[in-house]
Amino acid sequence: MQTKIVKRRRILHALLAGFLSGALFFATVSLPVSAQDSIPGITPPSSCEVIQYGTSGKNQPLLAYRFGHGSNVLLMTFAMHGFEDHWDRDGNALVYAAQKIMEHLDRSQQQLLDLDWSVYILPCVNPDGLLMGYSGNGPGRGTMSYLDSSHTLHFDRGIDMNRSFPYLWRPYETLRNFNGDQPLASLESKALADFSEEILEQGYHTAIVIDVHGWTQQLLTNDNQGTLYQILHNQFPQNSYTTLEKSAGYFASYAAYNLGYTACLLEFPCDVYSESQFQASGYSEQLCSGVSEILQQYGMDTGHSARCPSVCFTDLEPLHQYHTAVDYVLENGWLQGTSPTTFSPDGTVDRAMLMTILWRAAGYPAPPQQEPEDLEDGEMEDPSAPEPESSEVDGTTSLDDDGSSEDTSVPGFQDLEDDAPASPEDNSSFQTSETDLILPHTGFYDVAEDSWYALAVQWAHTNGLVNGVYPQYFMPDQPVTRRDLALFLYRYAQYRGIDTTQRVNLYQYTDYRSVGDFAADAVSWCIAKGILPTVSTAEGPSIQPSKPLSRIDMAQVLMQYLSMM
């Protein structure tokens, strides 16, 4: 299971897949495993992706669980009130319903894929109220903290989240419905509002919100008793209809009228008075049936299977978490199959291919002219013009990919051996004397001018993206390592005029010494931006800079990185 933390933007989004251009994607960092178990009763299936979209006033992680990666969106929220009036902490029953929905979605992976769905389950959007609260008329129903108009956090009272959203907002002063002196007066409300908005900014075909409560036996919708209402009313025929239009401060109203979701506030029936009664009622199972019908009815026109570009590859699992990334790189021509029926997900991407991908992403820029444009036909250049200086190659120094010279006697230099051979004899490319060769316009002896990647490498070299792993040798067939990737993407961002100043402290990683000073800034920036995922080991988090990236990992990185350009 992959865990992500969503970094929200107001001026500029952190990555996914949009931290460079401002388009939204989700930046990812590892969370402690314990964070996944912070809400009692939730056991996330391995098929879902765990997203932390914020932190509560009492520093509890606010968690969402994503199933599928399609263009149709269903967002379901639970336990906005920790106390829902029928018994103490009856919000736990709503968390139970969320768990049942997650188990149902785990069994419905093929339906999600076929009908092109992304489903986000938020089992407890008010964890402080549920876990630490004590009242149905104050903290418990509400949060355990609130934000004043200067955004200072206070702990002497909480707010009713479902009166706090900026749709027809008005202040409530009662203990039960107090909502602060401005909309979104809690960390929990603000995080949920931001997350709901950011989901849509990824692009979508259909977007639905269901906010689940108890126990007033209602269906409040904005679709005028349309498809969403009818599907849920078929499951809960005892529930009455009310429009969301006049529901001031409700999350579902905000999602409907401010953000554009088709939305419903579902109140479970009123005939249960304990968690055991709720579990025996079958209402969770009825909600699962309703969700299945929603997926079918709203997704039937946008099914993915018929247009899936990776469907021909027998070595890809259709439900793999990186399926969307593979489709992305195939559709954009960044990567191709290794045969008509194989993608080779565990294979590697070589340096020539990565340079070609970046060149294509830059718009296929033409290489610089190699001869003066004012030469007439048959006119010769001045033979007395000085030859370009050649690089000395004596086996005692090695040029790393930032163009700087490293002394091989420096401790730790051998950590760079996957990126730079220690001497010319280490690679057959160096067996011919450079004095017998004419340096191609590509800038590298081992990149012929008629090779399929020549223009890309020449462009990359001219613009400082690559300097070779050895003076005037590019080594096009060498697999891209994690350090290579960081260097190339860092330089490409600079080429595009992107701010590359953000950093993380590399000393927290067990193998930071093997990064090398020449690559430290690039690796630090890529980790900070979520481009380069770190690796958990028994000794602690590591970078593994010399490890080649697999094709499927490269697909995920390219989707995150290039889709924002």
Protein backbone atom coordinates (compact mmCIF):
# COMPACT_ATOMS: atom_id res chain seq x y z
CA MET A 1 0.00 0.00 0.00
CA GLN A 2 1.34 3.40 -0.96
CA THR A 3 0.90 6.31 1.43
CA LYS A 4 0.82 9.89 0.23
CA ILE A 5 0.63 13.24 1.86
CA VAL A 6 -1.20 15.94 -0.04
CA LYS A 7 0.36 19.36 0.14
CA ARG A 8 -2.33 21.92 -0.59
CA ARG A 9 -1.77 25.10 -2.53
CA ARG A 10 -3.21 28.53 -2.60
CA ILE A 11 -0.54 30.27 -4.68
CA LEU A 12 1.30 27.24 -6.04
CA HIS A 13 0.50 23.55 -5.69
CA ALA A 14 3.07 21.10 -4.52
CA LEU A 15 3.54 18.41 -7.15
CA LEU A 16 1.74 15.41 -9.09
CA ALA A 17 1.53 15.54 -10.46
CA GLY A 18 1.52 20.04 -10.54
CA PHE A 19 4.06 21.61 -8.31
CA LEU A 20 6.02 23.21 -11.16
CA SER A 21 3.29 24.63 -13.36
CA GLY A 22 0.59 25.05 -10.76
CA ALA A 23 -1.57 22.17 -12.07
CA LEU A 24 -2.60 19.89 -9.25
CA PHE A 25 -1.12 16.56 -8.51
CA PHE A 26 -0.24 14.94 -5.22
CA ALA A 27 3.22 15.21 -3.75
CA THR A 28 4.16 12.08 -1.85
CA VAL A 29 6.16 11.34 1.25
CA SER A 30 6.15 8.30 3.48
CA LEU A 31 3.93 8.26 6.55
CA PRO A 32 4.37 6.11 9.63
CA VAL A 33 2.40 2.89 9.36
CA SER A 34 0.65 3.80 12.63
CA ALA A 35 -0.99 6.74 10.89
CA GLN A 36 -2.99 4.32 8.79
CA ASP A 37 -4.53 2.85 11.94
CA SER A 38 -5.37 6.12 13.69
CA ILE A 39 -9.15 5.55 13.41
CA PRO A 40 -10.33 2.42 15.24
CA GLY A 41 -12.20 0.07 12.97
CA ILE A 42 -10.41 1.00 9.75
CA THR A 43 -8.25 -1.62 8.06
CA PRO A 44 -7.41 -0.30 4.59
CA PRO A 45 -7.22 -2.96 1.86
CA SER A 46 -3.94 -3.33 0.00
CA SER A 47 -5.63 -2.22 -3.24
CA CYS A 48 -6.09 1.36 -2.07
CA GLU A 49 -3.78 4.32 -1.88
CA VAL A 50 -3.57 6.14 1.46
CA ILE A 51 -3.54 9.94 1.25
CA GLN A 52 -3.04 12.31 4.14
CA TYR A 53 -4.85 15.48 3.12
CA GLY A 54 -4.32 17.42 6.33
CA THR A 55 -3.91 17.35 10.10
CA SER A 56 -6.55 17.94 12.77
CA GLY A 57 -6.37 20.50 15.55
CA LYS A 58 -5.13 17.78 17.90
CA ASN A 59 -2.53 16.68 15.36
CA GLN A 60 -4.38 13.61 14.10
CA PRO A 61 -3.77 12.72 10.43
CA LEU A 62 -6.74 13.37 8.16
CA LEU A 63 -6.80 10.37 5.85
CA ALA A 64 -8.41 9.53 2.53
CA TYR A 65 -8.31 6.16 0.79
CA ARG A 66 -8.30 6.16 -2.99
CA PHE A 67 -9.53 3.26 -5.12
CA GLY A 68 -8.95 3.41 -8.87
CA HIS A 69 -7.41 6.10 -11.06
CA GLY A 70 -10.17 6.99 -13.48
CA SER A 71 -11.69 10.25 -14.73
CA ASN A 72 -14.98 9.77 -12.86
CA VAL A 73 -14.81 10.86 -9.22
CA LEU A 74 -16.80 9.72 -6.20
CA LEU A 75 -15.92 11.34 -2.86
CA MET A 76 -17.54 9.90 0.27
CA THR A 77 -17.15 11.47 3.71
CA PHE A 78 -18.09 9.97 7.08
CA ALA A 79 -18.18 10.95 10.75
CA MET A 80 -18.24 14.71 10.33
CA HIS A 81 -19.94 14.59 13.72
CA GLY A 82 -18.35 12.26 16.26
CA PHE A 83 -21.63 12.33 18.20
CA GLU A 84 -24.80 11.98 16.08
CA ASP A 85 -27.39 12.02 18.93
CA HIS A 86 -28.47 8.36 19.24
CA TRP A 87 -25.65 7.09 21.51
CA ASP A 88 -22.25 8.26 22.64
CA ARG A 89 -19.71 8.31 19.84
CA ASP A 90 -22.23 6.96 17.36
CA GLY A 91 -19.94 8.37 14.69
CA ASN A 92 -18.18 5.02 15.07
CA ALA A 93 -21.12 3.44 13.24
CA LEU A 94 -20.40 5.71 10.28
CA VAL A 95 -16.76 4.66 10.37
CA TYR A 96 -17.98 1.05 10.29
CA ALA A 97 -20.02 1.89 7.18
CA ALA A 98 -16.93 3.43 5.60
CA GLN A 99 -14.96 0.24 6.27
CA LYS A 100 -17.68 -1.81 4.58
CA ILE A 101 -17.59 0.50 1.56
CA MET A 102 -13.81 0.08 1.36
CA GLU A 103 -14.10 -3.70 1.49
CA HIS A 104 -16.74 -3.52 -1.25
CA LEU A 105 -14.50 -1.35 -3.43
CA ASP A 106 -11.62 -3.75 -2.88
CA ARG A 107 -13.80 -6.45 -4.43
CA SER A 108 -14.89 -4.12 -7.24
CA GLN A 109 -11.52 -3.24 -8.75
CA GLN A 110 -12.47 -4.48 -12.20
CA GLN A 111 -15.62 -2.37 -12.17
CA LEU A 112 -13.60 0.69 -11.20
CA LEU A 113 -11.20 0.05 -14.07
CA ASP A 114 -13.85 -0.77 -16.66
CA LEU A 115 -15.96 2.26 -15.81
CA ASP A 116 -13.06 4.66 -15.24
CA TRP A 117 -13.54 5.59 -11.57
CA SER A 118 -11.52 7.18 -8.82
CA VAL A 119 -13.27 6.71 -5.47
CA TYR A 120 -12.08 8.55 -2.37
CA ILE A 121 -13.26 7.30 1.02
CA LEU A 122 -12.74 9.61 4.02
CA PRO A 123 -13.84 7.42 6.97
CA CYS A 124 -13.58 10.11 9.65
CA VAL A 125 -13.25 13.77 8.75
CA ASN A 126 -13.52 14.80 12.43
CA PRO A 127 -11.20 12.39 14.28
CA ASP A 128 -10.72 14.69 17.27
CA GLY A 129 -14.45 14.87 17.92
CA LEU A 130 -14.88 11.12 17.60
CA LEU A 131 -11.84 10.05 19.60
CA MET A 132 -11.58 12.84 22.19
CA GLY A 133 -15.00 14.51 22.25
CA TYR A 134 -17.64 14.17 24.93
CA SER A 135 -20.86 15.84 23.81
CA GLY A 136 -23.53 15.97 21.14
CA ASN A 137 -23.83 19.69 21.85
CA GLY A 138 -20.24 20.81 21.63
CA PRO A 139 -16.84 19.12 21.29
CA GLY A 140 -17.66 15.64 20.06
CA ARG A 141 -20.34 16.58 17.61
CA GLY A 142 -17.94 19.36 16.72
CA THR A 143 -14.20 19.55 16.52
CA MET A 144 -11.96 20.02 19.56
CA SER A 145 -10.48 23.29 18.30
CA TYR A 146 -11.24 26.26 16.09
CA LEU A 147 -9.48 29.02 14.15
CA ASP A 148 -10.20 32.66 14.87
CA SER A 149 -10.19 35.40 12.24
CA SER A 150 -6.41 35.74 12.54
CA HIS A 151 -6.05 31.97 11.98
CA THR A 152 -4.91 31.36 15.55
CA LEU A 153 -5.86 27.90 16.80
CA HIS A 154 -7.90 27.76 20.04
CA PHE A 155 -8.76 24.70 22.11
CA ASP A 156 -11.45 26.04 24.47
CA ARG A 157 -14.23 24.96 22.09
CA GLY A 158 -14.76 23.42 18.68
CA ILE A 159 -17.01 24.08 15.71
CA ASP A 160 -19.80 22.21 13.94
CA MET A 161 -18.04 21.34 10.70
CA ASN A 162 -21.33 20.98 8.85
CA ARG A 163 -22.17 24.63 9.40
CA SER A 164 -18.72 25.90 8.51
CA PHE A 165 -18.46 25.71 4.72
CA PRO A 166 -18.65 28.84 2.54
CA TYR A 167 -22.09 28.31 1.01
CA LEU A 168 -24.73 30.69 2.43
CA TRP A 169 -22.54 30.78 5.51
CA ARG A 170 -23.90 32.57 8.58
CA PRO A 171 -22.66 32.48 12.19
CA TYR A 172 -24.16 30.13 14.78
CA GLU A 173 -23.54 30.81 18.47
CA THR A 174 -25.20 27.80 20.12
CA LEU A 175 -23.01 25.12 21.67
CA ARG A 176 -24.39 22.59 19.20
CA ASN A 177 -23.80 24.53 15.99
CA PHE A 178 -21.11 27.09 16.84
CA ASN A 179 -19.11 27.68 13.66
CA GLY A 180 -16.66 30.46 14.47
CA ASP A 181 -16.57 33.96 13.08
CA GLN A 182 -15.77 33.06 9.47
CA PRO A 183 -16.16 30.05 7.13
CA LEU A 184 -13.79 27.10 7.48
CA ALA A 185 -12.94 27.97 11.07
CA SER A 186 -11.19 24.68 11.77
CA LEU A 187 -8.21 22.87 10.34
CA GLU A 188 -10.48 19.93 9.54
CA SER A 189 -12.97 22.00 7.53
CA LYS A 190 -10.28 23.85 5.64
CA ALA A 191 -8.42 20.65 4.76
CA LEU A 192 -11.61 19.00 3.50
CA ALA A 193 -12.59 22.02 1.42
CA ASP A 194 -9.14 22.23 -0.15
CA PHE A 195 -8.96 18.50 -0.84
CA SER A 196 -12.41 18.46 -2.46
CA GLU A 197 -11.39 21.32 -4.73
CA GLU A 198 -8.04 19.83 -5.64
CA ILE A 199 -9.59 16.53 -6.69
CA LEU A 200 -11.55 18.39 -9.36
CA GLU A 201 -8.51 20.33 -10.53
CA GLN A 202 -6.97 17.07 -11.74
CA GLY A 203 -9.68 16.94 -14.41
CA TYR A 204 -12.77 14.77 -14.31
CA HIS A 205 -15.76 13.56 -16.32
CA THR A 206 -18.28 12.98 -13.53
CA ALA A 207 -17.89 14.17 -9.93
CA ILE A 208 -20.13 13.04 -7.07
CA VAL A 209 -20.06 13.71 -3.31
CA ILE A 210 -21.92 11.67 -0.69
CA ASP A 211 -21.66 12.99 2.86
CA VAL A 212 -22.89 10.29 5.26
CA HIS A 213 -24.61 11.10 8.58
CA GLY A 214 -27.23 9.65 10.95
CA TRP A 215 -30.07 9.47 11.97
CA THR A 216 -32.69 11.78 10.50
CA GLN A 217 -33.69 9.53 7.61
CA GLN A 218 -33.19 12.05 4.79
CA LEU A 219 -31.66 12.44 1.35
CA LEU A 220 -30.61 16.01 0.62
CA THR A 221 -29.43 16.45 -2.99
CA ASN A 222 -28.87 19.08 -5.65
CA ASP A 223 -30.04 16.93 -8.57
CA ASN A 224 -33.78 17.58 -8.10
CA GLN A 225 -34.64 13.97 -7.32
CA GLY A 226 -32.60 12.91 -10.33
CA THR A 227 -30.37 9.89 -10.88
CA LEU A 228 -28.32 10.16 -7.69
CA TYR A 229 -31.40 10.63 -5.54
CA GLN A 230 -33.26 7.77 -7.22
CA ILE A 231 -30.37 5.33 -6.80
CA LEU A 232 -30.06 6.05 -3.07
CA HIS A 233 -33.82 6.25 -2.52
CA ASN A 234 -34.14 2.76 -3.99
CA GLN A 235 -31.84 1.58 -1.20
CA PHE A 236 -33.41 3.75 1.52
CA PRO A 237 -37.08 4.14 0.54
CA GLN A 238 -38.00 5.42 4.02
CA ASN A 239 -35.76 8.48 3.56
CA SER A 240 -37.45 11.76 2.68
CA TYR A 241 -36.21 14.21 0.03
CA THR A 242 -34.93 17.70 0.75
CA THR A 243 -33.00 20.03 -1.53
CA LEU A 244 -29.52 21.14 -0.56
CA GLU A 245 -30.19 24.59 -1.95
CA LYS A 246 -31.04 26.20 1.40
CA SER A 247 -28.62 24.21 3.58
CA ALA A 248 -26.33 26.94 4.88
CA GLY A 249 -22.75 25.95 5.60
CA TYR A 250 -23.21 22.26 4.76
CA PHE A 251 -20.30 20.45 3.16
CA ALA A 252 -22.58 18.81 0.57
CA SER A 253 -24.06 22.22 -0.33
CA TYR A 254 -20.59 23.70 -0.71
CA ALA A 255 -19.51 20.76 -2.88
CA ALA A 256 -22.64 21.12 -5.02
CA TYR A 257 -23.00 24.86 -5.50
CA ASN A 258 -19.47 26.16 -5.00
CA LEU A 259 -17.46 23.36 -6.59
CA GLY A 260 -19.88 21.75 -9.05
CA TYR A 261 -20.25 18.21 -7.69
CA THR A 262 -23.47 16.28 -7.92
CA ALA A 263 -23.95 15.96 -4.18
CA CYS A 264 -26.02 14.22 -1.54
CA LEU A 265 -26.17 14.36 2.23
CA LEU A 266 -27.34 10.90 3.27
CA GLU A 267 -28.84 10.51 6.75
CA PHE A 268 -29.18 6.87 7.74
CA PRO A 269 -32.63 5.78 9.00
CA CYS A 270 -33.60 6.64 12.54
CA ASP A 271 -34.45 3.18 13.92
CA VAL A 272 -31.03 2.20 15.31
CA TYR A 273 -29.81 3.04 18.82
CA SER A 274 -26.57 1.10 19.22
CA GLU A 275 -23.67 0.05 17.08
CA SER A 276 -24.72 -3.59 17.22
CA GLN A 277 -28.19 -2.62 15.96
CA PHE A 278 -26.62 -0.62 13.15
CA GLN A 279 -24.37 -3.47 12.09
CA ALA A 280 -27.33 -5.84 12.11
CA SER A 281 -29.58 -3.43 10.19
CA GLY A 282 -27.97 -4.04 6.81
CA TYR A 283 -27.79 -0.31 6.12
CA SER A 284 -24.08 -0.48 5.35
CA GLU A 285 -24.70 -3.21 2.81
CA GLN A 286 -27.53 -1.18 1.27
CA LEU A 287 -25.16 1.75 0.90
CA CYS A 288 -22.64 -0.56 -0.79
CA SER A 289 -25.33 -1.59 -3.27
CA GLY A 290 -26.13 2.05 -3.91
CA VAL A 291 -22.47 2.85 -4.53
CA SER A 292 -22.20 -0.03 -6.98
CA GLU A 293 -25.22 1.28 -8.89
CA ILE A 294 -23.77 4.81 -8.91
CA LEU A 295 -20.55 3.50 -10.41
CA GLN A 296 -22.52 1.64 -13.06
CA GLN A 297 -25.02 4.37 -13.95
CA TYR A 298 -22.62 7.30 -14.05
CA GLY A 299 -19.64 5.41 -15.45
CA MET A 300 -21.21 3.45 -18.28
CA ASP A 301 -20.45 6.12 -20.92
CA THR A 302 -16.80 6.58 -20.04
CA GLY A 303 -15.53 3.02 -19.61
CA HIS A 304 -11.77 2.63 -19.78
CA SER A 305 -11.20 -0.89 -21.08
CA ALA A 306 -12.19 -0.23 -24.68
CA ARG A 307 -9.69 2.63 -25.04
CA CYS A 308 -6.95 1.45 -22.69
CA PRO A 309 -3.58 1.84 -24.48
CA SER A 310 -1.91 -0.82 -22.32
CA VAL A 311 -4.55 -3.51 -22.76
CA CYS A 312 -2.36 -5.35 -25.29
CA PHE A 313 0.45 -5.97 -22.80
CA THR A 314 0.24 -9.38 -21.20
CA ASP A 315 2.91 -8.59 -18.59
CA LEU A 316 0.94 -5.74 -16.96
CA GLU A 317 -1.65 -6.30 -14.26
CA PRO A 318 -4.78 -4.35 -15.21
CA LEU A 319 -5.35 -3.30 -11.59
CA HIS A 320 -1.76 -2.29 -10.84
CA GLN A 321 -1.54 1.02 -8.94
CA TYR A 322 0.66 2.41 -11.74
CA HIS A 323 -1.77 1.47 -14.52
CA THR A 324 -2.74 5.11 -15.08
CA ALA A 325 0.91 6.14 -15.30
CA VAL A 326 1.64 3.48 -17.92
CA ASP A 327 -1.37 4.62 -19.94
CA TYR A 328 -0.13 8.21 -19.66
CA VAL A 329 3.37 7.53 -21.01
CA LEU A 330 1.98 5.36 -23.80
CA GLU A 331 -0.61 7.93 -24.87
CA ASN A 332 2.01 10.68 -24.95
CA GLY A 333 4.64 8.58 -26.66
CA TRP A 334 7.14 8.94 -23.81
CA LEU A 335 7.58 5.17 -23.54
CA GLN A 336 6.53 2.31 -25.79
CA GLY A 337 6.16 -1.42 -25.41
CA THR A 338 9.23 -3.58 -25.75
CA SER A 339 7.22 -5.80 -28.09
CA PRO A 340 3.63 -5.79 -29.38
CA THR A 341 2.55 -7.74 -26.29
CA THR A 342 5.04 -6.73 -23.57
CA PHE A 343 5.83 -3.56 -21.66
CA SER A 344 8.64 -5.08 -19.53
CA PRO A 345 7.69 -3.20 -16.35
CA ASP A 346 10.78 -4.37 -14.47
CA GLY A 347 13.16 -3.42 -17.28
CA THR A 348 15.18 -0.20 -17.29
CA VAL A 349 15.17 3.04 -19.28
CA ASP A 350 18.49 4.01 -20.85
CA ARG A 351 19.99 7.48 -20.95
CA ALA A 352 19.29 7.94 -24.66
CA MET A 353 15.59 7.32 -24.15
CA LEU A 354 15.29 9.73 -21.21
CA MET A 355 17.02 12.49 -23.18
CA THR A 356 14.64 11.83 -26.06
CA ILE A 357 11.63 12.04 -23.75
CA LEU A 358 12.75 15.39 -22.36
CA TRP A 359 13.52 16.66 -25.86
CA ARG A 360 10.03 15.72 -27.03
CA ALA A 361 8.50 17.29 -23.92
CA ALA A 362 10.38 20.50 -24.75
CA GLY A 363 8.69 20.57 -28.15
CA TYR A 364 11.34 18.93 -30.37
CA PRO A 365 13.62 22.02 -30.40
CA ALA A 366 15.96 22.22 -33.38
CA PRO A 367 19.69 21.91 -32.73
CA PRO A 368 21.89 24.98 -33.21
CA GLN A 369 23.41 25.60 -36.62
CA GLN A 370 26.77 23.91 -36.92
CA GLU A 371 28.17 26.21 -39.62
CA PRO A 372 28.02 29.99 -40.08
CA GLU A 373 24.89 30.89 -42.01
CA ASP A 374 26.77 33.45 -44.20
CA LEU A 375 29.02 30.91 -45.97
CA GLU A 376 28.43 30.82 -49.70
CA ASP A 377 28.18 27.58 -51.65
CA GLY A 378 31.62 26.04 -51.86
CA GLU A 379 33.16 28.54 -49.43
CA MET A 380 35.49 26.95 -46.91
CA GLU A 381 35.88 27.87 -43.27
CA ASP A 382 39.23 29.33 -42.23
CA PRO A 383 41.54 26.31 -41.82
CA SER A 384 43.62 28.30 -39.37
CA ALA A 385 40.72 28.55 -36.90
CA PRO A 386 41.71 26.93 -33.60
CA GLU A 387 40.45 23.47 -32.87
CA PRO A 388 38.18 23.00 -29.86
CA GLU A 389 40.13 22.10 -26.77
CA SER A 390 40.14 18.40 -26.11
CA SER A 391 39.68 16.90 -22.68
CA GLU A 392 42.55 15.09 -21.10
CA VAL A 393 41.73 11.48 -20.35
CA ASP A 394 44.36 9.88 -18.18
CA GLY A 395 42.33 7.63 -15.95
CA THR A 396 42.93 9.70 -12.83
CA THR A 397 39.86 11.90 -13.10
CA SER A 398 36.29 11.28 -14.12
CA LEU A 399 33.76 13.82 -15.31
CA ASP A 400 30.46 13.37 -13.58
CA ASP A 401 27.18 14.50 -15.02
CA ASP A 402 27.36 18.06 -13.82
CA GLY A 403 30.55 18.57 -15.78
CA SER A 404 32.76 18.83 -12.70
CA SER A 405 35.93 16.82 -12.30
CA GLU A 406 36.12 14.38 -9.40
CA ASP A 407 39.39 13.06 -8.01
CA THR A 408 39.06 9.30 -7.69
CA SER A 409 41.20 9.38 -4.59
CA VAL A 410 38.50 11.26 -2.68
CA PRO A 411 36.81 8.96 -0.14
CA GLY A 412 33.42 7.86 -1.36
CA PHE A 413 34.18 8.53 -5.02
CA GLN A 414 33.75 4.87 -5.88
CA ASP A 415 30.10 5.31 -4.95
CA LEU A 416 29.82 7.02 -8.35
CA GLU A 417 31.07 4.00 -10.25
CA ASP A 418 27.65 3.17 -11.71
CA ASP A 419 27.59 6.59 -13.33
CA ALA A 420 31.22 7.08 -14.29
CA PRO A 421 33.78 4.41 -15.19
CA ALA A 422 37.00 4.87 -13.24
CA SER A 423 39.18 4.77 -16.35
CA PRO A 424 38.84 4.56 -20.14
CA GLU A 425 39.66 0.86 -20.06
CA ASP A 426 36.54 0.16 -18.00
CA ASN A 427 34.31 0.59 -21.05
CA SER A 428 34.81 -0.58 -24.61
CA SER A 429 33.63 2.81 -25.84
CA PHE A 430 37.03 4.20 -24.90
CA GLN A 431 39.21 1.69 -26.75
CA THR A 432 39.72 3.95 -29.78
CA SER A 433 42.13 6.83 -29.33
CA GLU A 434 40.31 10.15 -29.36
CA THR A 435 43.01 11.59 -31.59
CA ASP A 436 41.77 9.21 -34.32
CA LEU A 437 38.15 10.40 -34.00
CA ILE A 438 36.26 13.47 -35.12
CA LEU A 439 33.92 14.69 -32.42
CA PRO A 440 30.36 14.54 -33.82
CA HIS A 441 28.04 17.52 -33.65
CA THR A 442 26.22 15.67 -30.89
CA GLY A 443 29.13 16.51 -28.59
CA PHE A 444 29.93 12.88 -27.75
CA TYR A 445 32.10 10.31 -29.48
CA ASP A 446 29.59 7.53 -28.75
CA VAL A 447 26.53 9.36 -30.15
CA ALA A 448 26.57 9.09 -33.93
CA GLU A 449 24.93 11.90 -35.86
CA ASP A 450 22.58 9.45 -37.59
CA SER A 451 21.43 7.72 -34.39
CA TRP A 452 17.74 7.96 -33.50
CA TYR A 453 18.52 9.91 -30.33
CA ALA A 454 21.21 12.22 -31.81
CA LEU A 455 19.11 15.38 -31.99
CA ALA A 456 17.85 14.88 -28.44
CA VAL A 457 21.33 14.36 -27.00
CA GLN A 458 22.72 17.29 -28.98
CA TRP A 459 19.92 19.52 -27.63
CA ALA A 460 20.47 18.26 -24.07
CA HIS A 461 24.22 18.81 -24.28
CA THR A 462 23.87 22.27 -25.80
CA ASN A 463 21.48 23.32 -23.03
CA GLY A 464 23.51 21.88 -20.17
CA LEU A 465 21.21 18.99 -19.29
CA VAL A 466 23.96 16.43 -19.77
CA ASN A 467 27.75 16.50 -19.86
CA GLY A 468 28.50 12.80 -20.10
CA VAL A 469 29.63 10.19 -17.62
CA TYR A 470 33.18 10.60 -18.95
CA PRO A 471 34.66 13.45 -21.00
CA GLN A 472 32.88 13.48 -24.38
CA TYR A 473 31.24 10.09 -23.79
CA PHE A 474 27.49 9.95 -23.18
CA MET A 475 27.05 6.16 -22.80
CA PRO A 476 23.54 6.14 -24.32
CA ASP A 477 22.79 2.52 -23.46
CA GLN A 478 23.55 2.88 -19.75
CA PRO A 479 20.43 2.54 -17.56
CA VAL A 480 19.18 5.71 -15.89
CA THR A 481 19.95 5.62 -12.19
CA ARG A 482 18.04 7.45 -9.50
CA ARG A 483 20.86 10.02 -9.33
CA ASP A 484 20.83 10.44 -13.13
CA LEU A 485 17.10 11.02 -13.00
CA ALA A 486 17.42 13.68 -10.32
CA LEU A 487 20.18 15.50 -12.22
CA PHE A 488 18.36 15.48 -15.56
CA LEU A 489 14.98 16.53 -14.17
CA TYR A 490 16.55 19.22 -11.99
CA ARG A 491 18.38 20.69 -14.98
CA TYR A 492 15.33 20.40 -17.21
CA ALA A 493 13.31 22.35 -14.64
CA GLN A 494 15.99 25.05 -14.68
CA TYR A 495 15.92 25.01 -18.49
CA ARG A 496 12.17 25.68 -18.27
CA GLY A 497 12.71 28.52 -15.81
CA ILE A 498 11.24 26.70 -12.81
CA ASP A 499 12.19 27.56 -9.24
CA THR A 500 14.54 24.81 -8.02
CA THR A 501 15.49 26.22 -4.64
CA GLN A 502 13.46 23.91 -2.40
CA ARG A 503 15.54 21.39 -0.45
CA VAL A 504 15.37 18.59 2.11
CA ASN A 505 18.10 17.66 4.56
CA LEU A 506 19.91 14.71 2.97
CA TYR A 507 21.61 13.81 6.24
CA GLN A 508 18.42 12.04 7.34
CA TYR A 509 19.10 9.31 4.75
CA THR A 510 21.44 6.45 5.61
CA ASP A 511 23.31 6.58 2.30
CA TYR A 512 23.50 10.35 1.81
CA ARG A 513 27.30 10.17 1.38
CA SER A 514 26.90 8.17 -1.81
CA VAL A 515 24.93 10.94 -3.51
CA GLY A 516 28.04 13.03 -4.23
CA ASP A 517 28.38 16.77 -3.85
CA PHE A 518 27.79 17.33 -7.56
CA ALA A 519 24.30 15.79 -7.34
CA ALA A 520 23.28 16.85 -3.83
CA ASP A 521 21.21 19.87 -4.87
CA ALA A 522 19.41 17.95 -7.61
CA VAL A 523 18.61 14.96 -5.41
CA SER A 524 17.52 17.18 -2.52
CA TRP A 525 15.19 19.17 -4.76
CA CYS A 526 13.66 16.09 -6.37
CA ILE A 527 12.97 14.52 -2.98
CA ALA A 528 11.50 17.78 -1.68
CA LYS A 529 9.18 17.95 -4.67
CA GLY A 530 8.15 14.31 -4.44
CA ILE A 531 9.69 13.37 -7.79
CA LEU A 532 12.27 10.99 -6.38
CA PRO A 533 10.68 8.58 -3.89
CA THR A 534 12.92 7.43 -1.08
CA VAL A 535 13.28 3.80 -0.06
CA SER A 536 12.55 2.32 3.38
CA THR A 537 15.17 -0.13 4.62
CA ALA A 538 15.88 -1.88 7.91
CA GLU A 539 18.58 0.70 8.62
CA GLY A 540 16.29 3.65 7.85
CA PRO A 541 15.22 5.71 4.84
CA SER A 542 17.64 5.63 1.92
CA ILE A 543 18.12 7.25 -1.48
CA GLN A 544 19.91 4.44 -3.39
CA PRO A 545 21.32 6.92 -5.93
CA SER A 546 23.08 4.33 -8.09
CA LYS A 547 20.09 2.02 -8.44
CA PRO A 548 18.51 1.99 -11.92
CA LEU A 549 14.82 2.87 -12.14
CA SER A 550 12.42 0.29 -13.52
CA ARG A 551 10.26 1.19 -16.49
CA ILE A 552 7.11 1.16 -14.41
CA ASP A 553 8.66 3.44 -11.77
CA MET A 554 9.87 5.70 -14.57
CA ALA A 555 6.31 5.84 -15.94
CA GLN A 556 5.05 7.09 -12.59
CA VAL A 557 7.80 9.70 -12.32
CA LEU A 558 7.21 10.92 -15.87
CA MET A 559 3.47 11.26 -15.29
CA GLN A 560 4.10 13.27 -12.13
CA TYR A 561 6.77 15.43 -13.71
CA LEU A 562 5.80 16.00 -17.35
CA SER A 563 2.06 16.41 -16.92
CA MET A 564 2.69 19.67 -15.06
CA MET A 565 4.93 21.18 -17.72
